[in-house]
Amino acid sequence: MVLPLALLVVALCVVLAGWAGWFVARDRAVVLRQLWGGAVVEAVLVVQAFVAGVVALTGDHDVDPALFWGYVVTQLVVLPIAAAWAFAERTRWSSVVLLVAALTVGFLEYRLLQIWGVV
């Protein structure tokens, strides 16, 4: 795991969660720009998964591969599922779904850092 990339993921998740939280407070549904924001987070997660794979194969870290890759794969599927749900649900709850998904990915990232031994 590369720490700056992990911190970027967490920062983007916090921004996306804050944006979705603002929409929840204002009783508004998710807008397309928020879904594009989720796509940016997803793109960074894909890059991070690739980098983690390279580092895991070439490094000498002692991590449980099933646990580590379970978290990585879970991170990769949470936001697309939430985006599809938020797109289909055109009420305030779509913002709640995006908020929960962004926070979930942020916490999963923190847990990945713990597993890797950075935190």
C-alpha atoms as a PDB file:
ATOM      1  CA  MET A   1       0.000   0.000   0.000  1.00  0.00           C
ATOM      2  CA  VAL A   2       1.203   3.446  -0.850  1.00  0.00           C
ATOM      3  CA  LEU A   3       0.345   5.854   1.955  1.00  0.00           C
ATOM      4  CA  PRO A   4      -0.214   9.007  -0.173  1.00  0.00           C
ATOM      5  CA  LEU A   5      -2.594   7.106  -2.437  1.00  0.00           C
ATOM      6  CA  ALA A   6      -4.473   5.744   0.567  1.00  0.00           C
ATOM      7  CA  LEU A   7      -4.741   9.221   2.066  1.00  0.00           C
ATOM      8  CA  LEU A   8      -6.057  10.512  -1.258  1.00  0.00           C
ATOM      9  CA  VAL A   9      -8.778   7.847  -1.204  1.00  0.00           C
ATOM     10  CA  VAL A  10      -9.764   8.785   2.343  1.00  0.00           C
ATOM     11  CA  ALA A  11      -9.799  12.509   1.508  1.00  0.00           C
ATOM     12  CA  LEU A  12     -11.940  11.962  -1.587  1.00  0.00           C
ATOM     13  CA  CYS A  13     -14.341   9.799   0.414  1.00  0.00           C
ATOM     14  CA  VAL A  14     -14.661  12.463   3.096  1.00  0.00           C
ATOM     15  CA  VAL A  15     -15.396  15.123   0.463  1.00  0.00           C
ATOM     16  CA  LEU A  16     -17.967  12.908  -1.255  1.00  0.00           C
ATOM     17  CA  ALA A  17     -19.578  12.012   2.076  1.00  0.00           C
ATOM     18  CA  GLY A  18     -19.734  15.682   3.050  1.00  0.00           C
ATOM     19  CA  TRP A  19     -21.313  16.576  -0.280  1.00  0.00           C
ATOM     20  CA  ALA A  20     -23.882  13.797   0.087  1.00  0.00           C
ATOM     21  CA  GLY A  21     -24.476  14.782   3.720  1.00  0.00           C
ATOM     22  CA  TRP A  22     -25.210  18.336   2.608  1.00  0.00           C
ATOM     23  CA  PHE A  23     -27.819  16.974   0.208  1.00  0.00           C
ATOM     24  CA  VAL A  24     -29.323  14.826   2.975  1.00  0.00           C
ATOM     25  CA  ALA A  25     -29.624  17.880   5.211  1.00  0.00           C
ATOM     26  CA  ARG A  26     -31.298  19.819   2.397  1.00  0.00           C
ATOM     27  CA  ASP A  27     -33.650  16.896   1.591  1.00  0.00           C
ATOM     28  CA  ARG A  28     -32.370  16.541  -1.981  1.00  0.00           C
ATOM     29  CA  ALA A  29     -31.691  13.566  -4.205  1.00  0.00           C
ATOM     30  CA  VAL A  30     -28.280  12.733  -5.639  1.00  0.00           C
ATOM     31  CA  VAL A  31     -27.298  14.671  -8.752  1.00  0.00           C
ATOM     32  CA  LEU A  32     -25.213  13.385 -11.636  1.00  0.00           C
ATOM     33  CA  ARG A  33     -22.150  15.404 -10.568  1.00  0.00           C
ATOM     34  CA  GLN A  34     -22.065  13.470  -7.293  1.00  0.00           C
ATOM     35  CA  LEU A  35     -22.098  10.199  -9.200  1.00  0.00           C
ATOM     36  CA  TRP A  36     -19.175  11.498 -11.268  1.00  0.00           C
ATOM     37  CA  GLY A  37     -17.429  12.279  -7.985  1.00  0.00           C
ATOM     38  CA  GLY A  38     -18.001   8.676  -6.967  1.00  0.00           C
ATOM     39  CA  ALA A  39     -16.517   7.607 -10.308  1.00  0.00           C
ATOM     40  CA  VAL A  40     -13.372   9.611  -9.532  1.00  0.00           C
ATOM     41  CA  VAL A  41     -13.058   7.825  -6.188  1.00  0.00           C
ATOM     42  CA  GLU A  42     -13.588   4.509  -7.965  1.00  0.00           C
ATOM     43  CA  ALA A  43     -10.865   5.311 -10.502  1.00  0.00           C
ATOM     44  CA  VAL A  44      -8.410   6.049  -7.697  1.00  0.00           C
ATOM     45  CA  LEU A  45      -9.437   2.767  -6.030  1.00  0.00           C
ATOM     46  CA  VAL A  46      -8.705   0.854  -9.243  1.00  0.00           C
ATOM     47  CA  VAL A  47      -5.267   2.459  -9.469  1.00  0.00           C
ATOM     48  CA  GLN A  48      -4.666   1.654  -5.822  1.00  0.00           C
ATOM     49  CA  ALA A  49      -5.716  -1.979  -6.313  1.00  0.00           C
ATOM     50  CA  PHE A  50      -3.259  -2.298  -9.194  1.00  0.00           C
ATOM     51  CA  VAL A  51      -0.444  -0.704  -7.176  1.00  0.00           C
ATOM     52  CA  ALA A  52      -1.282  -2.882  -4.165  1.00  0.00           C
ATOM     53  CA  GLY A  53      -1.131  -5.961  -6.367  1.00  0.00           C
ATOM     54  CA  VAL A  54       2.284  -5.001  -7.686  1.00  0.00           C
ATOM     55  CA  VAL A  55       3.589  -4.176  -4.206  1.00  0.00           C
ATOM     56  CA  ALA A  56       2.109  -7.368  -2.739  1.00  0.00           C
ATOM     57  CA  LEU A  57       3.770  -9.490  -5.420  1.00  0.00           C
ATOM     58  CA  THR A  58       7.162  -7.796  -5.196  1.00  0.00           C
ATOM     59  CA  GLY A  59       7.217  -6.817  -1.519  1.00  0.00           C
ATOM     60  CA  ASP A  60       7.927  -8.747   1.616  1.00  0.00           C
ATOM     61  CA  HIS A  61       4.832  -7.842   3.618  1.00  0.00           C
ATOM     62  CA  ASP A  62       3.301 -10.512   5.801  1.00  0.00           C
ATOM     63  CA  VAL A  63      -0.419 -10.015   5.261  1.00  0.00           C
ATOM     64  CA  ASP A  64      -3.194 -12.557   4.938  1.00  0.00           C
ATOM     65  CA  PRO A  65      -3.960 -12.477   1.203  1.00  0.00           C
ATOM     66  CA  ALA A  66      -7.617 -13.490   1.605  1.00  0.00           C
ATOM     67  CA  LEU A  67      -8.255 -10.754   4.157  1.00  0.00           C
ATOM     68  CA  PHE A  68      -6.352  -8.090   2.234  1.00  0.00           C
ATOM     69  CA  TRP A  69      -7.890  -8.842  -1.164  1.00  0.00           C
ATOM     70  CA  GLY A  70     -11.308  -9.240   0.417  1.00  0.00           C
ATOM     71  CA  TYR A  71     -11.116  -5.646   1.588  1.00  0.00           C
ATOM     72  CA  VAL A  72      -9.781  -4.445  -1.772  1.00  0.00           C
ATOM     73  CA  VAL A  73     -12.553  -6.162  -3.733  1.00  0.00           C
ATOM     74  CA  THR A  74     -15.208  -4.958  -1.288  1.00  0.00           C
ATOM     75  CA  GLN A  75     -13.978  -1.398  -1.732  1.00  0.00           C
ATOM     76  CA  LEU A  76     -14.217  -1.764  -5.478  1.00  0.00           C
ATOM     77  CA  VAL A  77     -17.866  -2.887  -5.436  1.00  0.00           C
ATOM     78  CA  VAL A  78     -19.375  -0.639  -2.740  1.00  0.00           C
ATOM     79  CA  LEU A  79     -19.478   2.617  -4.714  1.00  0.00           C
ATOM     80  CA  PRO A  80     -20.809   1.198  -8.018  1.00  0.00           C
ATOM     81  CA  ILE A  81     -23.620  -0.579  -6.175  1.00  0.00           C
ATOM     82  CA  ALA A  82     -24.407   2.572  -4.207  1.00  0.00           C
ATOM     83  CA  ALA A  83     -24.315   4.675  -7.383  1.00  0.00           C
ATOM     84  CA  ALA A  84     -26.742   2.351  -9.143  1.00  0.00           C
ATOM     85  CA  TRP A  85     -29.039   2.403  -6.114  1.00  0.00           C
ATOM     86  CA  ALA A  86     -28.801   6.199  -5.805  1.00  0.00           C
ATOM     87  CA  PHE A  87     -29.520   6.605  -9.517  1.00  0.00           C
ATOM     88  CA  ALA A  88     -32.619   4.421  -9.260  1.00  0.00           C
ATOM     89  CA  GLU A  89     -33.883   6.007  -6.027  1.00  0.00           C
ATOM     90  CA  ARG A  90     -34.833   9.595  -6.797  1.00  0.00           C
ATOM     91  CA  THR A  91     -35.541  10.738  -3.242  1.00  0.00           C
ATOM     92  CA  ARG A  92     -33.464  12.065  -0.392  1.00  0.00           C
ATOM     93  CA  TRP A  93     -32.540   8.467   0.454  1.00  0.00           C
ATOM     94  CA  SER A  94     -30.295   8.342  -2.596  1.00  0.00           C
ATOM     95  CA  SER A  95     -28.090  10.897  -0.854  1.00  0.00           C
ATOM     96  CA  VAL A  96     -28.143   8.786   2.302  1.00  0.00           C
ATOM     97  CA  VAL A  97     -27.024   5.740   0.297  1.00  0.00           C
ATOM     98  CA  LEU A  98     -24.143   7.698  -1.254  1.00  0.00           C
ATOM     99  CA  LEU A  99     -23.177   9.106   2.151  1.00  0.00           C
ATOM    100  CA  VAL A 100     -23.055   5.667   3.759  1.00  0.00           C
ATOM    101  CA  ALA A 101     -21.125   4.198   0.815  1.00  0.00           C
ATOM    102  CA  ALA A 102     -18.499   6.960   0.867  1.00  0.00           C
ATOM    103  CA  LEU A 103     -17.998   6.565   4.620  1.00  0.00           C
ATOM    104  CA  THR A 104     -17.814   2.785   4.233  1.00  0.00           C
ATOM    105  CA  VAL A 105     -15.083   3.022   1.611  1.00  0.00           C
ATOM    106  CA  GLY A 106     -13.176   5.487   3.806  1.00  0.00           C
ATOM    107  CA  PHE A 107     -13.324   3.120   6.787  1.00  0.00           C
ATOM    108  CA  LEU A 108     -12.366   0.144   4.618  1.00  0.00           C
ATOM    109  CA  GLU A 109      -9.347   2.127   3.461  1.00  0.00           C
ATOM    110  CA  TYR A 110      -8.338   2.777   7.048  1.00  0.00           C
ATOM    111  CA  ARG A 111      -8.712  -0.921   7.807  1.00  0.00           C
ATOM    112  CA  LEU A 112      -6.545  -1.774   4.783  1.00  0.00           C
ATOM    113  CA  LEU A 113      -3.833   0.482   6.180  1.00  0.00           C
ATOM    114  CA  GLN A 114      -4.082  -1.384   9.487  1.00  0.00           C
ATOM    115  CA  ILE A 115      -3.836  -4.747   7.755  1.00  0.00           C
ATOM    116  CA  TRP A 116      -0.828  -3.589   5.748  1.00  0.00           C
ATOM    117  CA  GLY A 117       0.834  -2.365   8.926  1.00  0.00           C
ATOM    118  CA  VAL A 118       1.026   1.343   8.091  1.00  0.00           C
ATOM    119  CA  VAL A 119      -1.283   2.518  10.875  1.00  0.00           C
END
